[in-house]
Amino acid sequence: LSAAQIYYGGKLKWQQNVSVSKSGL
């Protein structure tokens, strides 16, 4: 959820320990 909030905020910055593809996100 934290990574998703960053992604939808326009800043794609992956969090540590999040092993999920972009489409999966």
PDB file of all heavy atoms in Angstrom:
ATOM      1  N   LEU A   1       0.831  -1.201   0.000  1.00  0.00           N
ATOM      2  CA  LEU A   1       0.000   0.000   0.000  1.00  0.00           C
ATOM      3  C   LEU A   1       0.868   1.254   0.000  1.00  0.00           C
ATOM      4  O   LEU A   1       0.582   2.223  -0.704  1.00  0.00           O
ATOM      5  CB  LEU A   1      -0.923  -0.001   1.220  1.00  0.00           C
ATOM      6  CG  LEU A   1      -1.815   1.227   1.402  1.00  0.00           C
ATOM      7  CD1 LEU A   1      -2.707   1.413   0.184  1.00  0.00           C
ATOM      8  CD2 LEU A   1      -2.654   1.104   2.655  1.00  0.00           C
ATOM      9  N   SER A   2       1.960   1.235   0.772  1.00  0.00           N
ATOM     10  CA  SER A   2       2.856   2.384   0.815  1.00  0.00           C
ATOM     11  C   SER A   2       3.492   2.637  -0.542  1.00  0.00           C
ATOM     12  O   SER A   2       3.551   3.774  -1.024  1.00  0.00           O
ATOM     13  CB  SER A   2       3.935   2.140   1.875  1.00  0.00           C
ATOM     14  OG  SER A   2       4.847   3.203   1.906  1.00  0.00           O
ATOM     15  N   ALA A   3       3.940   1.555  -1.200  1.00  0.00           N
ATOM     16  CA  ALA A   3       4.525   1.692  -2.534  1.00  0.00           C
ATOM     17  C   ALA A   3       3.493   2.192  -3.529  1.00  0.00           C
ATOM     18  O   ALA A   3       3.794   3.006  -4.401  1.00  0.00           O
ATOM     19  CB  ALA A   3       5.098   0.349  -2.982  1.00  0.00           C
ATOM     20  N   ALA A   4       2.257   1.731  -3.381  1.00  0.00           N
ATOM     21  CA  ALA A   4       1.191   2.149  -4.291  1.00  0.00           C
ATOM     22  C   ALA A   4       0.890   3.633  -4.137  1.00  0.00           C
ATOM     23  O   ALA A   4       0.665   4.343  -5.121  1.00  0.00           O
ATOM     24  CB  ALA A   4      -0.063   1.325  -4.023  1.00  0.00           C
ATOM     25  N   GLN A   5       0.907   4.117  -2.890  1.00  0.00           N
ATOM     26  CA  GLN A   5       0.641   5.535  -2.664  1.00  0.00           C
ATOM     27  C   GLN A   5       1.725   6.397  -3.296  1.00  0.00           C
ATOM     28  O   GLN A   5       1.445   7.449  -3.879  1.00  0.00           O
ATOM     29  CB  GLN A   5       0.552   5.798  -1.164  1.00  0.00           C
ATOM     30  CG  GLN A   5      -0.713   5.246  -0.526  1.00  0.00           C
ATOM     31  CD  GLN A   5      -0.708   5.372   0.985  1.00  0.00           C
ATOM     32  OE1 GLN A   5       0.345   5.485   1.600  1.00  0.00           O
ATOM     33  NE2 GLN A   5      -1.882   5.337   1.585  1.00  0.00           N
ATOM     34  N   ILE A   6       2.976   5.941  -3.193  1.00  0.00           N
ATOM     35  CA  ILE A   6       4.071   6.681  -3.824  1.00  0.00           C
ATOM     36  C   ILE A   6       3.917   6.651  -5.343  1.00  0.00           C
ATOM     37  O   ILE A   6       4.087   7.658  -6.027  1.00  0.00           O
ATOM     38  CB  ILE A   6       5.426   6.083  -3.398  1.00  0.00           C
ATOM     39  CG1 ILE A   6       5.665   6.327  -1.909  1.00  0.00           C
ATOM     40  CG2 ILE A   6       6.572   6.672  -4.219  1.00  0.00           C
ATOM     41  CD1 ILE A   6       6.869   5.613  -1.349  1.00  0.00           C
ATOM     42  N   TYR A   7       3.547   5.466  -5.889  1.00  0.00           N
ATOM     43  CA  TYR A   7       3.399   5.314  -7.334  1.00  0.00           C
ATOM     44  C   TYR A   7       2.301   6.230  -7.876  1.00  0.00           C
ATOM     45  O   TYR A   7       2.491   6.947  -8.853  1.00  0.00           O
ATOM     46  CB  TYR A   7       3.092   3.859  -7.673  1.00  0.00           C
ATOM     47  CG  TYR A   7       2.805   3.621  -9.137  1.00  0.00           C
ATOM     48  CD1 TYR A   7       3.832   3.604 -10.071  1.00  0.00           C
ATOM     49  CD2 TYR A   7       1.498   3.432  -9.584  1.00  0.00           C
ATOM     50  CE1 TYR A   7       3.578   3.405 -11.407  1.00  0.00           C
ATOM     51  CE2 TYR A   7       1.231   3.225 -10.916  1.00  0.00           C
ATOM     52  CZ  TYR A   7       2.278   3.214 -11.830  1.00  0.00           C
ATOM     53  OH  TYR A   7       2.014   3.010 -13.151  1.00  0.00           O
ATOM     54  N   TYR A   8       1.156   6.236  -7.225  1.00  0.00           N
ATOM     55  CA  TYR A   8       0.047   7.047  -7.715  1.00  0.00           C
ATOM     56  C   TYR A   8       0.234   8.525  -7.407  1.00  0.00           C
ATOM     57  O   TYR A   8      -0.454   9.369  -7.946  1.00  0.00           O
ATOM     58  CB  TYR A   8      -1.275   6.548  -7.143  1.00  0.00           C
ATOM     59  CG  TYR A   8      -1.785   5.328  -7.874  1.00  0.00           C
ATOM     60  CD1 TYR A   8      -1.629   4.061  -7.334  1.00  0.00           C
ATOM     61  CD2 TYR A   8      -2.386   5.442  -9.115  1.00  0.00           C
ATOM     62  CE1 TYR A   8      -2.080   2.938  -7.998  1.00  0.00           C
ATOM     63  CE2 TYR A   8      -2.835   4.330  -9.807  1.00  0.00           C
ATOM     64  CZ  TYR A   8      -2.676   3.084  -9.243  1.00  0.00           C
ATOM     65  OH  TYR A   8      -3.108   1.975  -9.923  1.00  0.00           O
ATOM     66  N   GLY A   9       1.211   8.812  -6.544  1.00  0.00           N
ATOM     67  CA  GLY A   9       1.517  10.217  -6.310  1.00  0.00           C
ATOM     68  C   GLY A   9       2.456  10.789  -7.350  1.00  0.00           C
ATOM     69  O   GLY A   9       2.828  11.955  -7.285  1.00  0.00           O
ATOM     70  N   GLY A  10       2.866   9.943  -8.322  1.00  0.00           N
ATOM     71  CA  GLY A  10       3.732  10.414  -9.404  1.00  0.00           C
ATOM     72  C   GLY A  10       5.199  10.163  -9.152  1.00  0.00           C
ATOM     73  O   GLY A  10       6.050  10.521  -9.968  1.00  0.00           O
ATOM     74  N   LYS A  11       5.543   9.559  -7.997  1.00  0.00           N
ATOM     75  CA  LYS A  11       6.939   9.276  -7.683  1.00  0.00           C
ATOM     76  C   LYS A  11       7.085   7.773  -7.501  1.00  0.00           C
ATOM     77  O   LYS A  11       6.747   7.240  -6.450  1.00  0.00           O
ATOM     78  CB  LYS A  11       7.363  10.009  -6.421  1.00  0.00           C
ATOM     79  CG  LYS A  11       7.281  11.521  -6.530  1.00  0.00           C
ATOM     80  CD  LYS A  11       7.644  12.176  -5.196  1.00  0.00           C
ATOM     81  CE  LYS A  11       7.515  13.688  -5.287  1.00  0.00           C
ATOM     82  NZ  LYS A  11       7.833  14.326  -3.993  1.00  0.00           N
ATOM     83  N   LEU A  12       7.546   7.100  -8.508  1.00  0.00           N
ATOM     84  CA  LEU A  12       7.686   5.651  -8.439  1.00  0.00           C
ATOM     85  C   LEU A  12       8.988   5.311  -7.700  1.00  0.00           C
ATOM     86  O   LEU A  12      10.069   5.332  -8.257  1.00  0.00           O
ATOM     87  CB  LEU A  12       7.714   5.046  -9.844  1.00  0.00           C
ATOM     88  CG  LEU A  12       7.773   3.517  -9.901  1.00  0.00           C
ATOM     89  CD1 LEU A  12       6.604   2.917  -9.139  1.00  0.00           C
ATOM     90  CD2 LEU A  12       7.784   3.034 -11.337  1.00  0.00           C
ATOM     91  N   LYS A  13       8.866   5.068  -6.410  1.00  0.00           N
ATOM     92  CA  LYS A  13      10.028   4.747  -5.585  1.00  0.00           C
ATOM     93  C   LYS A  13       9.697   3.457  -4.842  1.00  0.00           C
ATOM     94  O   LYS A  13       8.860   3.428  -3.951  1.00  0.00           O
ATOM     95  CB  LYS A  13      10.299   5.876  -4.595  1.00  0.00           C
ATOM     96  CG  LYS A  13      11.598   5.702  -3.828  1.00  0.00           C
ATOM     97  CD  LYS A  13      11.752   6.783  -2.771  1.00  0.00           C
ATOM     98  CE  LYS A  13      11.946   8.136  -3.401  1.00  0.00           C
ATOM     99  NZ  LYS A  13      12.168   9.174  -2.370  1.00  0.00           N
ATOM    100  N   TRP A  14      10.351   2.369  -5.208  1.00  0.00           N
ATOM    101  CA  TRP A  14      10.013   1.069  -4.629  1.00  0.00           C
ATOM    102  C   TRP A  14      10.517   0.952  -3.197  1.00  0.00           C
ATOM    103  O   TRP A  14      11.630   1.326  -2.873  1.00  0.00           O
ATOM    104  CB  TRP A  14      10.628  -0.045  -5.473  1.00  0.00           C
ATOM    105  CG  TRP A  14      10.052  -0.075  -6.840  1.00  0.00           C
ATOM    106  CD1 TRP A  14      10.586   0.458  -7.964  1.00  0.00           C
ATOM    107  CD2 TRP A  14       8.792  -0.621  -7.204  1.00  0.00           C
ATOM    108  NE1 TRP A  14       9.749   0.278  -9.025  1.00  0.00           N
ATOM    109  CE2 TRP A  14       8.633  -0.390  -8.583  1.00  0.00           C
ATOM    110  CE3 TRP A  14       7.783  -1.286  -6.518  1.00  0.00           C
ATOM    111  CZ2 TRP A  14       7.519  -0.789  -9.287  1.00  0.00           C
ATOM    112  CZ3 TRP A  14       6.670  -1.695  -7.209  1.00  0.00           C
ATOM    113  CH2 TRP A  14       6.545  -1.450  -8.576  1.00  0.00           C
ATOM    114  N   GLN A  15       9.642   0.425  -2.357  1.00  0.00           N
ATOM    115  CA  GLN A  15      10.022   0.194  -0.973  1.00  0.00           C
ATOM    116  C   GLN A  15      10.797  -1.118  -0.857  1.00  0.00           C
ATOM    117  O   GLN A  15      10.693  -2.003  -1.706  1.00  0.00           O
ATOM    118  CB  GLN A  15       8.763   0.107  -0.091  1.00  0.00           C
ATOM    119  CG  GLN A  15       7.873   1.349  -0.174  1.00  0.00           C
ATOM    120  CD  GLN A  15       8.530   2.541   0.479  1.00  0.00           C
ATOM    121  OE1 GLN A  15       9.095   2.411   1.545  1.00  0.00           O
ATOM    122  NE2 GLN A  15       8.456   3.691  -0.155  1.00  0.00           N
ATOM    123  N   GLN A  16      11.560  -1.251   0.201  1.00  0.00           N
ATOM    124  CA  GLN A  16      12.297  -2.488   0.425  1.00  0.00           C
ATOM    125  C   GLN A  16      11.336  -3.621   0.768  1.00  0.00           C
ATOM    126  O   GLN A  16      10.274  -3.401   1.342  1.00  0.00           O
ATOM    127  CB  GLN A  16      13.294  -2.310   1.560  1.00  0.00           C
ATOM    128  CG  GLN A  16      14.436  -1.359   1.200  1.00  0.00           C
ATOM    129  CD  GLN A  16      15.422  -1.241   2.338  1.00  0.00           C
ATOM    130  OE1 GLN A  16      15.169  -1.728   3.420  1.00  0.00           O
ATOM    131  NE2 GLN A  16      16.543  -0.608   2.061  1.00  0.00           N
ATOM    132  N   ASN A  17      11.737  -4.851   0.411  1.00  0.00           N
ATOM    133  CA  ASN A  17      10.985  -6.070   0.750  1.00  0.00           C
ATOM    134  C   ASN A  17       9.615  -6.128   0.073  1.00  0.00           C
ATOM    135  O   ASN A  17       8.698  -6.755   0.576  1.00  0.00           O
ATOM    136  CB  ASN A  17      10.808  -6.216   2.265  1.00  0.00           C
ATOM    137  CG  ASN A  17      12.131  -6.227   2.994  1.00  0.00           C
ATOM    138  OD1 ASN A  17      13.100  -6.784   2.493  1.00  0.00           O
ATOM    139  ND2 ASN A  17      12.175  -5.597   4.153  1.00  0.00           N
ATOM    140  N   VAL A  18       9.426  -5.406  -1.042  1.00  0.00           N
ATOM    141  CA  VAL A  18       8.177  -5.489  -1.788  1.00  0.00           C
ATOM    142  C   VAL A  18       8.469  -6.189  -3.102  1.00  0.00           C
ATOM    143  O   VAL A  18       8.945  -5.571  -4.053  1.00  0.00           O
ATOM    144  CB  VAL A  18       7.556  -4.094  -2.034  1.00  0.00           C
ATOM    145  CG1 VAL A  18       6.253  -4.236  -2.803  1.00  0.00           C
ATOM    146  CG2 VAL A  18       7.313  -3.388  -0.726  1.00  0.00           C
ATOM    147  N   SER A  19       8.258  -7.476  -3.148  1.00  0.00           N
ATOM    148  CA  SER A  19       8.532  -8.256  -4.355  1.00  0.00           C
ATOM    149  C   SER A  19       7.234  -8.410  -5.136  1.00  0.00           C
ATOM    150  O   SER A  19       6.522  -9.387  -4.994  1.00  0.00           O
ATOM    151  CB  SER A  19       9.101  -9.626  -3.984  1.00  0.00           C
ATOM    152  OG  SER A  19       8.232 -10.281  -3.099  1.00  0.00           O
ATOM    153  N   VAL A  20       6.888  -7.420  -5.933  1.00  0.00           N
ATOM    154  CA  VAL A  20       5.666  -7.447  -6.714  1.00  0.00           C
ATOM    155  C   VAL A  20       5.916  -6.701  -8.015  1.00  0.00           C
ATOM    156  O   VAL A  20       6.611  -5.686  -8.042  1.00  0.00           O
ATOM    157  CB  VAL A  20       4.487  -6.816  -5.922  1.00  0.00           C
ATOM    158  CG1 VAL A  20       4.762  -5.384  -5.599  1.00  0.00           C
ATOM    159  CG2 VAL A  20       3.171  -6.955  -6.676  1.00  0.00           C
ATOM    160  N   SER A  21       5.391  -7.225  -9.126  1.00  0.00           N
ATOM    161  CA  SER A  21       5.595  -6.606 -10.424  1.00  0.00           C
ATOM    162  C   SER A  21       4.785  -5.323 -10.544  1.00  0.00           C
ATOM    163  O   SER A  21       3.883  -5.053  -9.756  1.00  0.00           O
ATOM    164  CB  SER A  21       5.177  -7.577 -11.528  1.00  0.00           C
ATOM    165  OG  SER A  21       3.782  -7.806 -11.441  1.00  0.00           O
ATOM    166  N   LYS A  22       5.117  -4.531 -11.575  1.00  0.00           N
ATOM    167  CA  LYS A  22       4.402  -3.272 -11.779  1.00  0.00           C
ATOM    168  C   LYS A  22       2.928  -3.519 -12.062  1.00  0.00           C
ATOM    169  O   LYS A  22       2.055  -2.831 -11.546  1.00  0.00           O
ATOM    170  CB  LYS A  22       5.055  -2.502 -12.927  1.00  0.00           C
ATOM    171  CG  LYS A  22       4.501  -1.113 -13.125  1.00  0.00           C
ATOM    172  CD  LYS A  22       5.291  -0.364 -14.196  1.00  0.00           C
ATOM    173  CE  LYS A  22       4.712   1.020 -14.430  1.00  0.00           C
ATOM    174  NZ  LYS A  22       5.461   1.761 -15.464  1.00  0.00           N
ATOM    175  N   SER A  23       2.639  -4.548 -12.896  1.00  0.00           N
ATOM    176  CA  SER A  23       1.233  -4.863 -13.191  1.00  0.00           C
ATOM    177  C   SER A  23       0.526  -5.388 -11.952  1.00  0.00           C
ATOM    178  O   SER A  23      -0.639  -5.083 -11.699  1.00  0.00           O
ATOM    179  CB  SER A  23       1.167  -5.908 -14.311  1.00  0.00           C
ATOM    180  OG  SER A  23       1.822  -7.105 -13.908  1.00  0.00           O
ATOM    181  N   GLY A  24       1.259  -6.189 -11.155  1.00  0.00           N
ATOM    182  CA  GLY A  24       0.680  -6.683  -9.905  1.00  0.00           C
ATOM    183  C   GLY A  24       0.390  -5.551  -8.938  1.00  0.00           C
ATOM    184  O   GLY A  24      -0.605  -5.559  -8.229  1.00  0.00           O
ATOM    185  N   LEU A  25       1.279  -4.541  -8.905  1.00  0.00           N
ATOM    186  CA  LEU A  25       1.070  -3.379  -8.048  1.00  0.00           C
ATOM    187  C   LEU A  25      -0.196  -2.632  -8.448  1.00  0.00           C
ATOM    188  O   LEU A  25      -1.012  -2.255  -7.611  1.00  0.00           O
ATOM    189  CB  LEU A  25       2.286  -2.457  -8.130  1.00  0.00           C
ATOM    190  CG  LEU A  25       2.162  -1.114  -7.405  1.00  0.00           C
ATOM    191  CD1 LEU A  25       2.019  -1.340  -5.908  1.00  0.00           C
ATOM    192  CD2 LEU A  25       3.374  -0.236  -7.691  1.00  0.00           C
TER     193      LEU A  25
END
